[in-house]
Amino acid sequence: MTKLILVRHGETDWNRENRIQGWLDIPLNEEGLKQAEKLAEELSEMKIEAVYSSPLKRALQTAEVVADKHHLAVRKISALREINQGKWQGLLVSEAKKRYRKLYPHWQREPFEVRPPEGERLEEVSRRVRKACRKIVDNHPQETVCLVTHKVAAALIKCHYLGLDRNRLWKLLPENAGWEIIRI
């Protein structure tokens, strides 16, 4: 059994502003860096054999702090990126709701039925993160691995490995620098 420590990156200014990040490469803010340090301290007593991360700055910066504590290098996997939210990226959530009056509420009610304009469907994201997780688990049997990703990607991983109803996705979104262990 592989233990997967599933982590969401620390806070960014855009998280604080409630701005949609998606694939845009936003760094951690001062609070996010503090959260990463606290996270690394919380995980310091665990024996972690590997740290994997999305290549987006906010996840990578978080992962590097954890990896440093364990004297490990971060392994970047692009499949662990957040959902590409297309034209919604860069908008405040309130702006997206206003500009996409029909589509955005539909996204909130039935997220697997909607694609953000020029973005990814959740099923596409789910497939790519599951494939990445399978490779990680295959490469680390009986080990503990830290995986730093994003809120939607993390929630989709939880749905899959914990057998949770994917229609409850919005209730499963982790907080910034939140983590949990999933046994696979």
N, C-alpha and C. Protein backbone atom coordinates (compact mmCIF):
# COMPACT_ATOMS: atom_id res chain seq x y z
N MET A 1 0.84 -1.18 0.00
CA MET A 1 0.00 0.00 0.00
C MET A 1 0.88 1.25 0.00
N THR A 2 0.58 2.15 -0.90
CA THR A 2 1.29 3.43 -0.98
C THR A 2 0.49 4.46 -0.20
N LYS A 3 1.18 5.26 0.58
CA LYS A 3 0.54 6.37 1.27
C LYS A 3 0.80 7.63 0.46
N LEU A 4 -0.27 8.25 0.05
CA LEU A 4 -0.18 9.48 -0.73
C LEU A 4 -0.60 10.64 0.17
N ILE A 5 0.33 11.57 0.39
CA ILE A 5 0.00 12.78 1.14
C ILE A 5 -0.43 13.80 0.10
N LEU A 6 -1.72 14.02 0.03
CA LEU A 6 -2.32 14.90 -0.97
C LEU A 6 -2.38 16.31 -0.41
N VAL A 7 -1.68 17.25 -1.08
CA VAL A 7 -1.53 18.62 -0.59
C VAL A 7 -2.03 19.61 -1.63
N ARG A 8 -2.72 20.63 -1.14
CA ARG A 8 -3.03 21.78 -1.99
C ARG A 8 -2.01 22.86 -1.69
N HIS A 9 -1.59 23.59 -2.70
CA HIS A 9 -0.60 24.66 -2.55
C HIS A 9 -1.05 25.71 -1.54
N GLY A 10 -0.08 26.51 -1.08
CA GLY A 10 -0.37 27.63 -0.19
C GLY A 10 -1.07 28.76 -0.91
N GLU A 11 -1.40 29.79 -0.14
CA GLU A 11 -2.20 30.91 -0.65
C GLU A 11 -1.44 31.80 -1.63
N THR A 12 -2.19 32.31 -2.61
CA THR A 12 -1.69 33.32 -3.53
C THR A 12 -2.54 34.58 -3.34
N ASP A 13 -2.06 35.69 -3.90
CA ASP A 13 -2.89 36.90 -3.86
C ASP A 13 -4.22 36.66 -4.57
N TRP A 14 -4.19 35.88 -5.63
CA TRP A 14 -5.43 35.61 -6.37
C TRP A 14 -6.41 34.77 -5.56
N ASN A 15 -5.91 33.85 -4.72
CA ASN A 15 -6.82 33.12 -3.82
C ASN A 15 -7.53 34.12 -2.91
N ARG A 16 -6.76 35.02 -2.36
CA ARG A 16 -7.31 36.02 -1.45
C ARG A 16 -8.35 36.90 -2.14
N GLU A 17 -8.12 37.23 -3.42
CA GLU A 17 -9.03 38.08 -4.19
C GLU A 17 -10.23 37.32 -4.76
N ASN A 18 -10.21 35.98 -4.64
CA ASN A 18 -11.23 35.12 -5.24
C ASN A 18 -11.21 35.25 -6.77
N ARG A 19 -9.97 35.22 -7.30
CA ARG A 19 -9.74 35.32 -8.74
C ARG A 19 -9.40 33.92 -9.27
N ILE A 20 -9.91 33.59 -10.44
CA ILE A 20 -9.73 32.25 -11.03
C ILE A 20 -8.33 32.13 -11.63
N GLN A 21 -7.57 31.14 -11.15
CA GLN A 21 -6.18 30.97 -11.57
C GLN A 21 -6.02 29.97 -12.70
N GLY A 22 -6.60 28.78 -12.54
CA GLY A 22 -6.45 27.75 -13.57
C GLY A 22 -4.99 27.50 -13.89
N TRP A 23 -4.64 27.58 -15.17
CA TRP A 23 -3.27 27.31 -15.61
C TRP A 23 -2.37 28.54 -15.53
N LEU A 24 -2.89 29.69 -15.12
CA LEU A 24 -2.04 30.87 -15.00
C LEU A 24 -1.06 30.66 -13.86
N ASP A 25 0.15 31.11 -14.04
CA ASP A 25 1.27 30.76 -13.15
C ASP A 25 1.47 31.83 -12.08
N ILE A 26 0.69 31.77 -11.03
CA ILE A 26 0.68 32.75 -9.96
C ILE A 26 1.51 32.23 -8.78
N PRO A 27 2.45 33.04 -8.26
CA PRO A 27 3.28 32.57 -7.13
C PRO A 27 2.55 32.69 -5.80
N LEU A 28 3.11 32.04 -4.81
CA LEU A 28 2.60 32.18 -3.44
C LEU A 28 2.80 33.61 -2.96
N ASN A 29 1.91 34.06 -2.09
CA ASN A 29 2.11 35.34 -1.43
C ASN A 29 2.82 35.08 -0.09
N GLU A 30 3.00 36.11 0.70
CA GLU A 30 3.71 35.96 1.97
C GLU A 30 3.01 34.96 2.88
N GLU A 31 1.69 35.03 2.93
CA GLU A 31 0.93 34.07 3.75
C GLU A 31 1.10 32.65 3.21
N GLY A 32 1.10 32.49 1.89
CA GLY A 32 1.30 31.18 1.29
C GLY A 32 2.66 30.58 1.63
N LEU A 33 3.68 31.42 1.66
CA LEU A 33 5.01 30.93 2.04
C LEU A 33 5.03 30.49 3.50
N LYS A 34 4.34 31.23 4.35
CA LYS A 34 4.23 30.84 5.78
C LYS A 34 3.47 29.52 5.90
N GLN A 35 2.40 29.38 5.11
CA GLN A 35 1.64 28.14 5.13
C GLN A 35 2.49 26.96 4.68
N ALA A 36 3.33 27.17 3.67
CA ALA A 36 4.21 26.10 3.19
C ALA A 36 5.19 25.70 4.27
N GLU A 37 5.73 26.66 4.99
CA GLU A 37 6.66 26.36 6.10
C GLU A 37 5.95 25.57 7.19
N LYS A 38 4.74 25.99 7.54
CA LYS A 38 3.96 25.28 8.56
C LYS A 38 3.65 23.86 8.10
N LEU A 39 3.27 23.71 6.84
CA LEU A 39 3.00 22.40 6.27
C LEU A 39 4.23 21.50 6.36
N ALA A 40 5.38 22.04 5.96
CA ALA A 40 6.63 21.27 6.01
C ALA A 40 6.93 20.82 7.43
N GLU A 41 6.66 21.68 8.39
CA GLU A 41 6.88 21.33 9.79
C GLU A 41 5.92 20.22 10.22
N GLU A 42 4.66 20.33 9.81
CA GLU A 42 3.67 19.29 10.15
C GLU A 42 4.06 17.93 9.58
N LEU A 43 4.67 17.94 8.40
CA LEU A 43 5.04 16.68 7.74
C LEU A 43 6.45 16.22 8.08
N SER A 44 7.16 16.98 8.88
CA SER A 44 8.59 16.72 9.12
C SER A 44 8.86 15.39 9.82
N GLU A 45 7.93 14.90 10.61
CA GLU A 45 8.14 13.63 11.32
C GLU A 45 7.81 12.41 10.47
N MET A 46 7.20 12.62 9.33
CA MET A 46 6.86 11.50 8.44
C MET A 46 8.06 11.16 7.57
N LYS A 47 8.17 9.87 7.27
CA LYS A 47 9.22 9.44 6.35
C LYS A 47 8.64 9.52 4.94
N ILE A 48 9.04 10.53 4.21
CA ILE A 48 8.55 10.74 2.85
C ILE A 48 9.66 10.36 1.87
N GLU A 49 9.33 9.47 0.93
CA GLU A 49 10.33 8.98 -0.03
C GLU A 49 10.42 9.83 -1.29
N ALA A 50 9.35 10.55 -1.63
CA ALA A 50 9.36 11.34 -2.85
C ALA A 50 8.35 12.48 -2.73
N VAL A 51 8.64 13.58 -3.45
CA VAL A 51 7.73 14.72 -3.52
C VAL A 51 7.50 15.02 -5.00
N TYR A 52 6.22 15.01 -5.39
CA TYR A 52 5.82 15.33 -6.75
C TYR A 52 4.99 16.61 -6.71
N SER A 53 5.04 17.37 -7.81
CA SER A 53 4.31 18.63 -7.84
C SER A 53 3.86 18.99 -9.25
N SER A 54 2.78 19.73 -9.28
CA SER A 54 2.40 20.46 -10.49
C SER A 54 3.54 21.44 -10.77
N PRO A 55 3.81 21.76 -12.03
CA PRO A 55 4.88 22.71 -12.34
C PRO A 55 4.49 24.18 -12.14
N LEU A 56 3.22 24.45 -11.83
CA LEU A 56 2.81 25.84 -11.61
C LEU A 56 3.45 26.36 -10.32
N LYS A 57 3.92 27.61 -10.36
CA LYS A 57 4.72 28.18 -9.26
C LYS A 57 4.12 27.96 -7.88
N ARG A 58 2.82 28.19 -7.74
CA ARG A 58 2.22 28.10 -6.42
C ARG A 58 2.34 26.71 -5.82
N ALA A 59 2.22 25.68 -6.64
CA ALA A 59 2.39 24.31 -6.16
C ALA A 59 3.87 23.98 -5.99
N LEU A 60 4.65 24.37 -6.96
CA LEU A 60 6.08 24.07 -6.92
C LEU A 60 6.77 24.71 -5.71
N GLN A 61 6.42 25.97 -5.42
CA GLN A 61 7.01 26.63 -4.25
C GLN A 61 6.64 25.90 -2.97
N THR A 62 5.39 25.46 -2.88
CA THR A 62 4.94 24.71 -1.70
C THR A 62 5.71 23.40 -1.60
N ALA A 63 5.81 22.69 -2.71
CA ALA A 63 6.49 21.40 -2.73
C ALA A 63 7.97 21.53 -2.38
N GLU A 64 8.61 22.58 -2.85
CA GLU A 64 10.04 22.77 -2.56
C GLU A 64 10.31 22.93 -1.07
N VAL A 65 9.43 23.60 -0.37
CA VAL A 65 9.62 23.77 1.08
C VAL A 65 9.50 22.42 1.78
N VAL A 66 8.52 21.62 1.39
CA VAL A 66 8.37 20.28 1.97
C VAL A 66 9.56 19.40 1.61
N ALA A 67 9.94 19.41 0.35
CA ALA A 67 11.05 18.57 -0.12
C ALA A 67 12.36 18.92 0.59
N ASP A 68 12.61 20.22 0.78
CA ASP A 68 13.84 20.65 1.47
C ASP A 68 13.92 20.05 2.87
N LYS A 69 12.80 20.01 3.55
CA LYS A 69 12.75 19.47 4.91
C LYS A 69 13.13 17.99 4.94
N HIS A 70 12.91 17.31 3.83
CA HIS A 70 13.20 15.87 3.73
C HIS A 70 14.42 15.58 2.86
N HIS A 71 15.15 16.62 2.48
CA HIS A 71 16.35 16.48 1.65
C HIS A 71 16.06 15.73 0.35
N LEU A 72 14.96 16.12 -0.28
CA LEU A 72 14.54 15.51 -1.53
C LEU A 72 14.43 16.57 -2.63
N ALA A 73 14.49 16.12 -3.86
CA ALA A 73 14.23 17.00 -5.00
C ALA A 73 12.76 16.86 -5.39
N VAL A 74 12.18 17.92 -5.88
CA VAL A 74 10.79 17.88 -6.34
C VAL A 74 10.76 17.33 -7.77
N ARG A 75 9.85 16.42 -8.01
CA ARG A 75 9.64 15.88 -9.36
C ARG A 75 8.37 16.54 -9.93
N LYS A 76 8.55 17.30 -11.01
CA LYS A 76 7.42 18.01 -11.61
C LYS A 76 6.69 17.13 -12.61
N ILE A 77 5.36 17.17 -12.52
CA ILE A 77 4.50 16.44 -13.46
C ILE A 77 3.41 17.40 -13.92
N SER A 78 3.41 17.71 -15.21
CA SER A 78 2.44 18.68 -15.72
C SER A 78 1.00 18.19 -15.60
N ALA A 79 0.80 16.89 -15.56
CA ALA A 79 -0.56 16.35 -15.43
C ALA A 79 -1.21 16.69 -14.09
N LEU A 80 -0.42 17.17 -13.14
CA LEU A 80 -0.96 17.54 -11.83
C LEU A 80 -1.42 19.00 -11.77
N ARG A 81 -1.36 19.70 -12.92
CA ARG A 81 -1.83 21.09 -12.96
C ARG A 81 -3.32 21.17 -12.62
N GLU A 82 -3.72 22.37 -12.30
CA GLU A 82 -5.13 22.65 -12.06
C GLU A 82 -5.91 22.55 -13.36
N ILE A 83 -7.21 22.57 -13.27
CA ILE A 83 -8.07 22.59 -14.44
C ILE A 83 -7.80 23.86 -15.24
N ASN A 84 -7.74 23.72 -16.55
CA ASN A 84 -7.64 24.88 -17.43
C ASN A 84 -9.05 25.47 -17.52
N GLN A 85 -9.21 26.66 -16.98
CA GLN A 85 -10.53 27.28 -16.96
C GLN A 85 -10.72 28.29 -18.10
N GLY A 86 -9.87 28.19 -19.11
CA GLY A 86 -10.06 28.95 -20.34
C GLY A 86 -10.27 30.44 -20.11
N LYS A 87 -11.35 30.97 -20.68
CA LYS A 87 -11.62 32.41 -20.62
C LYS A 87 -11.95 32.91 -19.21
N TRP A 88 -12.23 31.99 -18.28
CA TRP A 88 -12.51 32.42 -16.91
C TRP A 88 -11.23 32.77 -16.16
N GLN A 89 -10.10 32.26 -16.62
CA GLN A 89 -8.83 32.49 -15.93
C GLN A 89 -8.52 33.98 -15.89
N GLY A 90 -8.15 34.45 -14.72
CA GLY A 90 -7.84 35.86 -14.52
C GLY A 90 -9.02 36.69 -14.06
N LEU A 91 -10.22 36.15 -14.20
CA LEU A 91 -11.41 36.87 -13.76
C LEU A 91 -11.66 36.64 -12.27
N LEU A 92 -12.23 37.63 -11.62
CA LEU A 92 -12.78 37.40 -10.29
C LEU A 92 -13.97 36.46 -10.47
N VAL A 93 -14.27 35.66 -9.47
CA VAL A 93 -15.43 34.77 -9.56
C VAL A 93 -16.69 35.61 -9.82
N SER A 94 -16.79 36.75 -9.17
CA SER A 94 -17.97 37.61 -9.37
C SER A 94 -18.06 38.09 -10.83
N GLU A 95 -16.93 38.35 -11.48
CA GLU A 95 -16.93 38.75 -12.89
C GLU A 95 -17.36 37.59 -13.79
N ALA A 96 -16.86 36.38 -13.48
CA ALA A 96 -17.25 35.21 -14.27
C ALA A 96 -18.74 34.96 -14.15
N LYS A 97 -19.29 35.12 -12.95
CA LYS A 97 -20.73 34.93 -12.75
C LYS A 97 -21.53 35.95 -13.55
N LYS A 98 -21.02 37.18 -13.62
CA LYS A 98 -21.72 38.26 -14.33
C LYS A 98 -21.63 38.06 -15.85
N ARG A 99 -20.44 37.76 -16.36
CA ARG A 99 -20.25 37.61 -17.80
C ARG A 99 -20.87 36.34 -18.37
N TYR A 100 -20.93 35.31 -17.55
CA TYR A 100 -21.43 34.00 -17.99
C TYR A 100 -22.63 33.62 -17.12
N ARG A 101 -23.67 34.44 -17.20
CA ARG A 101 -24.84 34.33 -16.32
C ARG A 101 -25.54 32.97 -16.35
N LYS A 102 -25.54 32.30 -17.48
CA LYS A 102 -26.17 30.98 -17.56
C LYS A 102 -25.16 29.87 -17.33
N LEU A 103 -23.99 30.00 -17.94
CA LEU A 103 -23.00 28.93 -17.90
C LEU A 103 -22.39 28.74 -16.50
N TYR A 104 -22.03 29.84 -15.85
CA TYR A 104 -21.35 29.69 -14.56
C TYR A 104 -22.22 29.03 -13.49
N PRO A 105 -23.49 29.43 -13.34
CA PRO A 105 -24.34 28.71 -12.37
C PRO A 105 -24.52 27.23 -12.73
N HIS A 106 -24.59 26.94 -14.04
CA HIS A 106 -24.68 25.55 -14.48
C HIS A 106 -23.42 24.79 -14.05
N TRP A 107 -22.26 25.42 -14.18
CA TRP A 107 -20.98 24.86 -13.74
C TRP A 107 -21.01 24.55 -12.24
N GLN A 108 -21.62 25.41 -11.46
CA GLN A 108 -21.70 25.19 -10.02
C GLN A 108 -22.67 24.07 -9.67
N ARG A 109 -23.77 23.95 -10.42
CA ARG A 109 -24.77 22.91 -10.15
C ARG A 109 -24.36 21.54 -10.68
N GLU A 110 -23.85 21.52 -11.92
CA GLU A 110 -23.52 20.27 -12.59
C GLU A 110 -22.15 20.39 -13.28
N PRO A 111 -21.09 20.39 -12.48
CA PRO A 111 -19.77 20.68 -13.04
C PRO A 111 -19.28 19.70 -14.10
N PHE A 112 -19.75 18.47 -14.07
CA PHE A 112 -19.29 17.50 -15.06
C PHE A 112 -20.02 17.64 -16.39
N GLU A 113 -21.02 18.50 -16.42
CA GLU A 113 -21.80 18.71 -17.64
C GLU A 113 -21.34 19.95 -18.41
N VAL A 114 -20.43 20.72 -17.84
CA VAL A 114 -20.08 22.03 -18.39
C VAL A 114 -18.57 22.11 -18.62
N ARG A 115 -18.20 22.82 -19.67
CA ARG A 115 -16.79 23.12 -19.94
C ARG A 115 -16.64 24.64 -19.86
N PRO A 116 -15.68 25.13 -19.06
CA PRO A 116 -15.42 26.57 -19.11
C PRO A 116 -15.04 26.95 -20.54
N PRO A 117 -15.44 28.12 -21.02
CA PRO A 117 -15.14 28.50 -22.40
C PRO A 117 -13.64 28.39 -22.71
N GLU A 118 -13.32 27.56 -23.71
CA GLU A 118 -11.94 27.29 -24.13
C GLU A 118 -11.11 26.59 -23.05
N GLY A 119 -11.79 25.98 -22.09
CA GLY A 119 -11.11 25.28 -21.01
C GLY A 119 -11.29 23.78 -21.10
N GLU A 120 -11.01 23.10 -19.99
CA GLU A 120 -11.10 21.64 -19.92
C GLU A 120 -12.40 21.20 -19.25
N ARG A 121 -12.86 20.04 -19.63
CA ARG A 121 -13.95 19.38 -18.91
C ARG A 121 -13.35 18.69 -17.68
N LEU A 122 -14.14 18.58 -16.63
CA LEU A 122 -13.66 17.92 -15.42
C LEU A 122 -13.27 16.47 -15.68
N GLU A 123 -13.97 15.81 -16.57
CA GLU A 123 -13.62 14.42 -16.88
C GLU A 123 -12.22 14.33 -17.48
N GLU A 124 -11.83 15.31 -18.28
CA GLU A 124 -10.48 15.35 -18.85
C GLU A 124 -9.44 15.53 -17.74
N VAL A 125 -9.72 16.42 -16.83
CA VAL A 125 -8.80 16.66 -15.71
C VAL A 125 -8.70 15.40 -14.86
N SER A 126 -9.83 14.81 -14.58
CA SER A 126 -9.85 13.59 -13.77
C SER A 126 -9.00 12.49 -14.39
N ARG A 127 -9.13 12.31 -15.69
CA ARG A 127 -8.33 11.27 -16.38
C ARG A 127 -6.84 11.54 -16.27
N ARG A 128 -6.43 12.80 -16.49
CA ARG A 128 -4.99 13.07 -16.47
C ARG A 128 -4.40 12.98 -15.06
N VAL A 129 -5.13 13.40 -14.03
CA VAL A 129 -4.57 13.29 -12.67
C VAL A 129 -4.57 11.84 -12.19
N ARG A 130 -5.59 11.07 -12.58
CA ARG A 130 -5.60 9.65 -12.21
C ARG A 130 -4.45 8.91 -12.86
N LYS A 131 -4.18 9.21 -14.14
CA LYS A 131 -3.06 8.57 -14.85
C LYS A 131 -1.73 8.91 -14.17
N ALA A 132 -1.56 10.16 -13.80
CA ALA A 132 -0.33 10.57 -13.11
C ALA A 132 -0.21 9.86 -11.76
N CYS A 133 -1.30 9.78 -11.03
CA CYS A 133 -1.27 9.11 -9.73
C CYS A 133 -0.95 7.62 -9.86
N ARG A 134 -1.51 6.98 -10.89
CA ARG A 134 -1.20 5.56 -11.12
C ARG A 134 0.29 5.35 -11.33
N LYS A 135 0.92 6.22 -12.13
CA LYS A 135 2.36 6.10 -12.37
C LYS A 135 3.15 6.30 -11.07
N ILE A 136 2.75 7.29 -10.30
CA ILE A 136 3.43 7.57 -9.03
C ILE A 136 3.31 6.37 -8.10
N VAL A 137 2.11 5.85 -7.96
CA VAL A 137 1.89 4.70 -7.08
C VAL A 137 2.67 3.48 -7.58
N ASP A 138 2.67 3.25 -8.89
CA ASP A 138 3.44 2.13 -9.45
C ASP A 138 4.93 2.27 -9.17
N ASN A 139 5.43 3.50 -9.17
CA ASN A 139 6.85 3.74 -8.93
C ASN A 139 7.23 3.75 -7.45
N HIS A 140 6.23 3.78 -6.58
CA HIS A 140 6.51 3.89 -5.14
C HIS A 140 5.64 2.93 -4.31
N PRO A 141 5.70 1.63 -4.62
CA PRO A 141 4.90 0.70 -3.82
C PRO A 141 5.41 0.68 -2.37
N GLN A 142 4.49 0.66 -1.45
CA GLN A 142 4.82 0.58 -0.02
C GLN A 142 5.58 1.80 0.50
N GLU A 143 5.49 2.91 -0.21
CA GLU A 143 6.21 4.12 0.22
C GLU A 143 5.22 5.24 0.51
N THR A 144 5.76 6.31 1.12
CA THR A 144 4.97 7.50 1.38
C THR A 144 5.44 8.59 0.43
N VAL A 145 4.48 9.15 -0.31
CA VAL A 145 4.77 10.13 -1.34
C VAL A 145 3.93 11.38 -1.08
N CYS A 146 4.56 12.53 -1.20
CA CYS A 146 3.85 13.80 -1.08
C CYS A 146 3.55 14.31 -2.48
N LEU A 147 2.29 14.64 -2.72
CA LEU A 147 1.86 15.11 -4.03
C LEU A 147 1.23 16.48 -3.85
N VAL A 148 1.85 17.53 -4.42
CA VAL A 148 1.36 18.90 -4.27
C VAL A 148 0.68 19.33 -5.55
N THR A 149 -0.59 19.68 -5.41
CA THR A 149 -1.39 20.01 -6.57
C THR A 149 -2.32 21.18 -6.25
N HIS A 150 -3.50 21.19 -6.83
CA HIS A 150 -4.43 22.33 -6.76
C HIS A 150 -5.79 21.84 -6.27
N LYS A 151 -6.69 22.79 -5.97
CA LYS A 151 -7.93 22.39 -5.30
C LYS A 151 -8.84 21.48 -6.12
N VAL A 152 -9.08 21.78 -7.40
CA VAL A 152 -9.96 20.92 -8.18
C VAL A 152 -9.26 19.59 -8.47
N ALA A 153 -7.99 19.63 -8.83
CA ALA A 153 -7.24 18.40 -9.08
C ALA A 153 -7.24 17.51 -7.83
N ALA A 154 -7.00 18.10 -6.66
CA ALA A 154 -6.98 17.33 -5.41
C ALA A 154 -8.36 16.73 -5.12
N ALA A 155 -9.41 17.50 -5.32
CA ALA A 155 -10.77 16.99 -5.07
C ALA A 155 -11.09 15.82 -6.00
N LEU A 156 -10.65 15.90 -7.25
CA LEU A 156 -10.89 14.81 -8.20
C LEU A 156 -10.12 13.55 -7.80
N ILE A 157 -8.90 13.73 -7.30
CA ILE A 157 -8.11 12.58 -6.81
C ILE A 157 -8.83 11.94 -5.63
N LYS A 158 -9.32 12.76 -4.72
CA LYS A 158 -10.06 12.24 -3.56
C LYS A 158 -11.31 11.47 -4.01
N CYS A 159 -12.06 12.03 -4.93
CA CYS A 159 -13.26 11.34 -5.43
C CYS A 159 -12.91 9.95 -5.94
N HIS A 160 -11.87 9.89 -6.74
CA HIS A 160 -11.49 8.61 -7.34
C HIS A 160 -11.01 7.60 -6.30
N TYR A 161 -10.03 7.96 -5.51
CA TYR A 161 -9.41 6.99 -4.61
C TYR A 161 -10.21 6.70 -3.35
N LEU A 162 -11.08 7.61 -2.96
CA LEU A 162 -11.89 7.37 -1.76
C LEU A 162 -13.31 6.92 -2.13
N GLY A 163 -13.57 6.80 -3.43
CA GLY A 163 -14.88 6.34 -3.88
C GLY A 163 -16.01 7.30 -3.54
N LEU A 164 -15.71 8.60 -3.57
CA LEU A 164 -16.70 9.61 -3.22
C LEU A 164 -17.51 10.02 -4.44
N ASP A 165 -18.71 10.46 -4.21
CA ASP A 165 -19.59 10.91 -5.28
C ASP A 165 -19.01 12.16 -5.94
N ARG A 166 -18.69 12.08 -7.20
CA ARG A 166 -18.06 13.20 -7.89
C ARG A 166 -18.98 14.41 -7.99
N ASN A 167 -20.28 14.22 -7.84
CA ASN A 167 -21.20 15.34 -7.85
C ASN A 167 -21.10 16.19 -6.58
N ARG A 168 -20.37 15.69 -5.60
CA ARG A 168 -20.11 16.44 -4.37
C ARG A 168 -18.77 17.19 -4.45
N LEU A 169 -18.22 17.28 -5.63
CA LEU A 169 -16.88 17.85 -5.85
C LEU A 169 -16.68 19.16 -5.12
N TRP A 170 -17.62 20.08 -5.23
CA TRP A 170 -17.42 21.42 -4.64
C TRP A 170 -17.33 21.36 -3.12
N LYS A 171 -17.84 20.31 -2.50
CA LYS A 171 -17.76 20.17 -1.04
C LYS A 171 -16.43 19.54 -0.61
N LEU A 172 -15.65 19.07 -1.57
CA LEU A 172 -14.39 18.36 -1.27
C LEU A 172 -13.15 19.21 -1.52
N LEU A 173 -13.32 20.46 -1.88
CA LEU A 173 -12.17 21.31 -2.20
C LEU A 173 -11.35 21.60 -0.95
N PRO A 174 -10.05 21.31 -0.98
CA PRO A 174 -9.22 21.55 0.20
C PRO A 174 -8.87 23.03 0.36
N GLU A 175 -8.56 23.42 1.57
CA GLU A 175 -8.09 24.77 1.87
C GLU A 175 -6.65 24.92 1.39
N ASN A 176 -6.18 26.14 1.28
CA ASN A 176 -4.77 26.36 0.93
C ASN A 176 -3.87 25.69 1.96
N ALA A 177 -2.89 24.96 1.47
CA ALA A 177 -1.92 24.21 2.27
C ALA A 177 -2.59 23.11 3.09
N GLY A 178 -3.82 22.76 2.72
CA GLY A 178 -4.48 21.63 3.38
C GLY A 178 -3.90 20.33 2.87
N TRP A 179 -3.94 19.30 3.71
CA TRP A 179 -3.41 18.00 3.31
C TRP A 179 -4.16 16.88 3.98
N GLU A 180 -4.07 15.71 3.37
CA GLU A 180 -4.62 14.50 3.95
C GLU A 180 -3.91 13.30 3.37
N ILE A 181 -3.98 12.19 4.06
CA ILE A 181 -3.34 10.96 3.59
C ILE A 181 -4.38 10.06 2.94
N ILE A 182 -4.02 9.57 1.78
CA ILE A 182 -4.86 8.61 1.06
C ILE A 182 -4.02 7.34 0.89
N ARG A 183 -4.57 6.23 1.30
CA ARG A 183 -3.86 4.95 1.17
C ARG A 183 -4.35 4.25 -0.10
N ILE A 184 -3.38 3.91 -0.95
CA ILE A 184 -3.70 3.31 -2.24
C ILE A 184 -3.01 1.95 -2.34
